[in-house]
Amino acid sequence: MMPMARIVHLAAHGLTHPNRWAAGLALHGGSLGTAMLTSSGVLADGAFSGVDLVVLNACRTGTHEGTGRIVQTLRSAGSAFLARGARAACFSFSSSRL
């Protein structure tokens, strides 16, 4: 996916979803659609073994919805990058408030 990058920084809208594999980043717009980078997409197509750090600058990229509530977990959009080889990841457990 990004074979030459040592640091990957993504600033986007983080979206949680009851299906943890559908959670991820809205790269354009604010809903699930074609411009969505999902946990399942990263797990299926990601190749981050040469990446030292992934920074997800988005709300709740370290959580998923579980049993009607937001849960802090390693089954999140951020952890998908770790599972695909990134050495470290920085992601958020909370919402940003303006």
C-alpha atoms as a PDB file:
ATOM      1  CA  MET A   1       0.000   0.000   0.000  1.00  0.00           C
ATOM      2  CA  MET A   2       2.759   2.491   0.990  1.00  0.00           C
ATOM      3  CA  PRO A   3       6.018   0.607   0.451  1.00  0.00           C
ATOM      4  CA  MET A   4       8.387   3.595   0.739  1.00  0.00           C
ATOM      5  CA  ALA A   5       6.829   5.550   3.624  1.00  0.00           C
ATOM      6  CA  ARG A   6       8.371   5.209   7.105  1.00  0.00           C
ATOM      7  CA  ILE A   7       5.749   7.473   8.721  1.00  0.00           C
ATOM      8  CA  VAL A   8       2.116   7.514   7.618  1.00  0.00           C
ATOM      9  CA  HIS A   9      -0.139  10.313   8.896  1.00  0.00           C
ATOM     10  CA  LEU A  10      -3.852  10.287   8.062  1.00  0.00           C
ATOM     11  CA  ALA A  11      -6.102  13.172   9.124  1.00  0.00           C
ATOM     12  CA  ALA A  12      -9.748  12.331   8.536  1.00  0.00           C
ATOM     13  CA  HIS A  13     -13.100  11.694  10.196  1.00  0.00           C
ATOM     14  CA  GLY A  14     -13.087   8.533  12.306  1.00  0.00           C
ATOM     15  CA  LEU A  15     -16.258   6.459  12.099  1.00  0.00           C
ATOM     16  CA  THR A  16     -17.229   3.690  14.495  1.00  0.00           C
ATOM     17  CA  HIS A  17     -19.603   0.942  13.389  1.00  0.00           C
ATOM     18  CA  PRO A  18     -21.305  -1.996  15.126  1.00  0.00           C
ATOM     19  CA  ASN A  19     -19.416  -4.246  12.703  1.00  0.00           C
ATOM     20  CA  ARG A  20     -15.829  -3.551  13.809  1.00  0.00           C
ATOM     21  CA  TRP A  21     -14.501  -4.463  10.340  1.00  0.00           C
ATOM     22  CA  ALA A  22     -16.578  -1.624   8.804  1.00  0.00           C
ATOM     23  CA  ALA A  23     -15.162   1.019  11.178  1.00  0.00           C
ATOM     24  CA  GLY A  24     -12.453   3.278   9.842  1.00  0.00           C
ATOM     25  CA  LEU A  25     -11.696   6.650   8.314  1.00  0.00           C
ATOM     26  CA  ALA A  26     -13.943   8.736   6.083  1.00  0.00           C
ATOM     27  CA  LEU A  27     -11.434  10.189   3.647  1.00  0.00           C
ATOM     28  CA  HIS A  28     -14.111  12.222   1.825  1.00  0.00           C
ATOM     29  CA  GLY A  29     -17.548  13.081   3.168  1.00  0.00           C
ATOM     30  CA  GLY A  30     -18.988  11.901   6.438  1.00  0.00           C
ATOM     31  CA  SER A  31     -20.564   8.523   5.771  1.00  0.00           C
ATOM     32  CA  LEU A  32     -19.673   4.999   4.771  1.00  0.00           C
ATOM     33  CA  GLY A  33     -18.959   4.829   1.055  1.00  0.00           C
ATOM     34  CA  THR A  34     -16.272   4.493  -1.562  1.00  0.00           C
ATOM     35  CA  ALA A  35     -13.961   7.035   0.104  1.00  0.00           C
ATOM     36  CA  MET A  36     -13.806   5.018   3.313  1.00  0.00           C
ATOM     37  CA  LEU A  37     -10.665   3.320   4.585  1.00  0.00           C
ATOM     38  CA  THR A  38     -12.029   0.483   6.725  1.00  0.00           C
ATOM     39  CA  SER A  39     -10.342  -1.902   9.122  1.00  0.00           C
ATOM     40  CA  SER A  40     -11.217  -4.773   6.789  1.00  0.00           C
ATOM     41  CA  GLY A  41      -9.676  -2.921   3.847  1.00  0.00           C
ATOM     42  CA  VAL A  42      -6.423  -2.377   5.721  1.00  0.00           C
ATOM     43  CA  LEU A  43      -6.350  -6.024   6.803  1.00  0.00           C
ATOM     44  CA  ALA A  44      -7.107  -7.269   3.272  1.00  0.00           C
ATOM     45  CA  ASP A  45      -4.869  -4.954   1.239  1.00  0.00           C
ATOM     46  CA  GLY A  46      -2.461  -3.288   3.668  1.00  0.00           C
ATOM     47  CA  ALA A  47       1.286  -3.815   3.546  1.00  0.00           C
ATOM     48  CA  PHE A  48       2.905  -1.785   6.306  1.00  0.00           C
ATOM     49  CA  SER A  49       5.911  -3.912   7.285  1.00  0.00           C
ATOM     50  CA  GLY A  50       8.335  -1.103   6.365  1.00  0.00           C
ATOM     51  CA  VAL A  51       6.373   1.573   8.243  1.00  0.00           C
ATOM     52  CA  ASP A  52       7.772   2.750  11.587  1.00  0.00           C
ATOM     53  CA  LEU A  53       4.739   4.801  12.691  1.00  0.00           C
ATOM     54  CA  VAL A  54       1.101   5.226  11.637  1.00  0.00           C
ATOM     55  CA  VAL A  55      -0.700   8.279  13.055  1.00  0.00           C
ATOM     56  CA  LEU A  56      -4.482   8.317  12.728  1.00  0.00           C
ATOM     57  CA  ASN A  57      -5.616  11.845  13.451  1.00  0.00           C
ATOM     58  CA  ALA A  58      -9.323  11.056  13.750  1.00  0.00           C
ATOM     59  CA  CYS A  59     -11.946  10.450  16.439  1.00  0.00           C
ATOM     60  CA  ARG A  60     -12.257   7.036  18.059  1.00  0.00           C
ATOM     61  CA  THR A  61      -9.801   5.194  15.815  1.00  0.00           C
ATOM     62  CA  GLY A  62      -8.816   3.097  18.834  1.00  0.00           C
ATOM     63  CA  THR A  63     -12.390   1.996  19.624  1.00  0.00           C
ATOM     64  CA  HIS A  64     -15.315   0.117  18.138  1.00  0.00           C
ATOM     65  CA  GLU A  65     -19.005  -0.104  18.929  1.00  0.00           C
ATOM     66  CA  GLY A  66     -19.844  -3.153  20.997  1.00  0.00           C
ATOM     67  CA  THR A  67     -23.196  -4.078  22.559  1.00  0.00           C
ATOM     68  CA  GLY A  68     -24.538  -0.567  22.061  1.00  0.00           C
ATOM     69  CA  ARG A  69     -21.570   1.277  23.563  1.00  0.00           C
ATOM     70  CA  ILE A  70     -18.139   2.474  22.496  1.00  0.00           C
ATOM     71  CA  VAL A  71     -15.429   0.058  23.615  1.00  0.00           C
ATOM     72  CA  GLN A  72     -11.667   0.667  23.844  1.00  0.00           C
ATOM     73  CA  THR A  73     -10.076  -2.308  22.193  1.00  0.00           C
ATOM     74  CA  LEU A  74      -7.346  -3.719  20.012  1.00  0.00           C
ATOM     75  CA  ARG A  75     -10.039  -4.632  17.469  1.00  0.00           C
ATOM     76  CA  SER A  76     -10.135  -1.174  15.912  1.00  0.00           C
ATOM     77  CA  ALA A  77      -9.103   0.757  12.820  1.00  0.00           C
ATOM     78  CA  GLY A  78      -5.792   1.637  14.447  1.00  0.00           C
ATOM     79  CA  SER A  79      -4.943  -1.924  15.387  1.00  0.00           C
ATOM     80  CA  ALA A  80      -5.486  -3.087  11.796  1.00  0.00           C
ATOM     81  CA  PHE A  81      -2.332  -1.187  10.790  1.00  0.00           C
ATOM     82  CA  LEU A  82      -0.379  -2.965  13.547  1.00  0.00           C
ATOM     83  CA  ALA A  83      -1.711  -6.323  12.392  1.00  0.00           C
ATOM     84  CA  ARG A  84      -0.458  -5.596   8.860  1.00  0.00           C
ATOM     85  CA  GLY A  85       3.094  -4.838   9.964  1.00  0.00           C
ATOM     86  CA  ALA A  86       3.364  -1.240  11.167  1.00  0.00           C
ATOM     87  CA  ARG A  87       5.835  -1.077  14.065  1.00  0.00           C
ATOM     88  CA  ALA A  88       3.816   1.490  16.044  1.00  0.00           C
ATOM     89  CA  ALA A  89       0.509   3.320  15.779  1.00  0.00           C
ATOM     90  CA  CYS A  90      -0.979   6.352  17.479  1.00  0.00           C
ATOM     91  CA  PHE A  91      -4.751   6.614  17.549  1.00  0.00           C
ATOM     92  CA  SER A  92      -7.541   8.147  19.612  1.00  0.00           C
ATOM     93  CA  PHE A  93     -10.010   6.683  22.090  1.00  0.00           C
ATOM     94  CA  SER A  94     -12.157   9.821  22.342  1.00  0.00           C
ATOM     95  CA  SER A  95     -14.023  12.327  20.222  1.00  0.00           C
ATOM     96  CA  SER A  96     -12.610  15.693  19.255  1.00  0.00           C
ATOM     97  CA  ARG A  97     -14.638  18.635  20.427  1.00  0.00           C
ATOM     98  CA  LEU A  98     -14.390  22.059  18.831  1.00  0.00           C
END
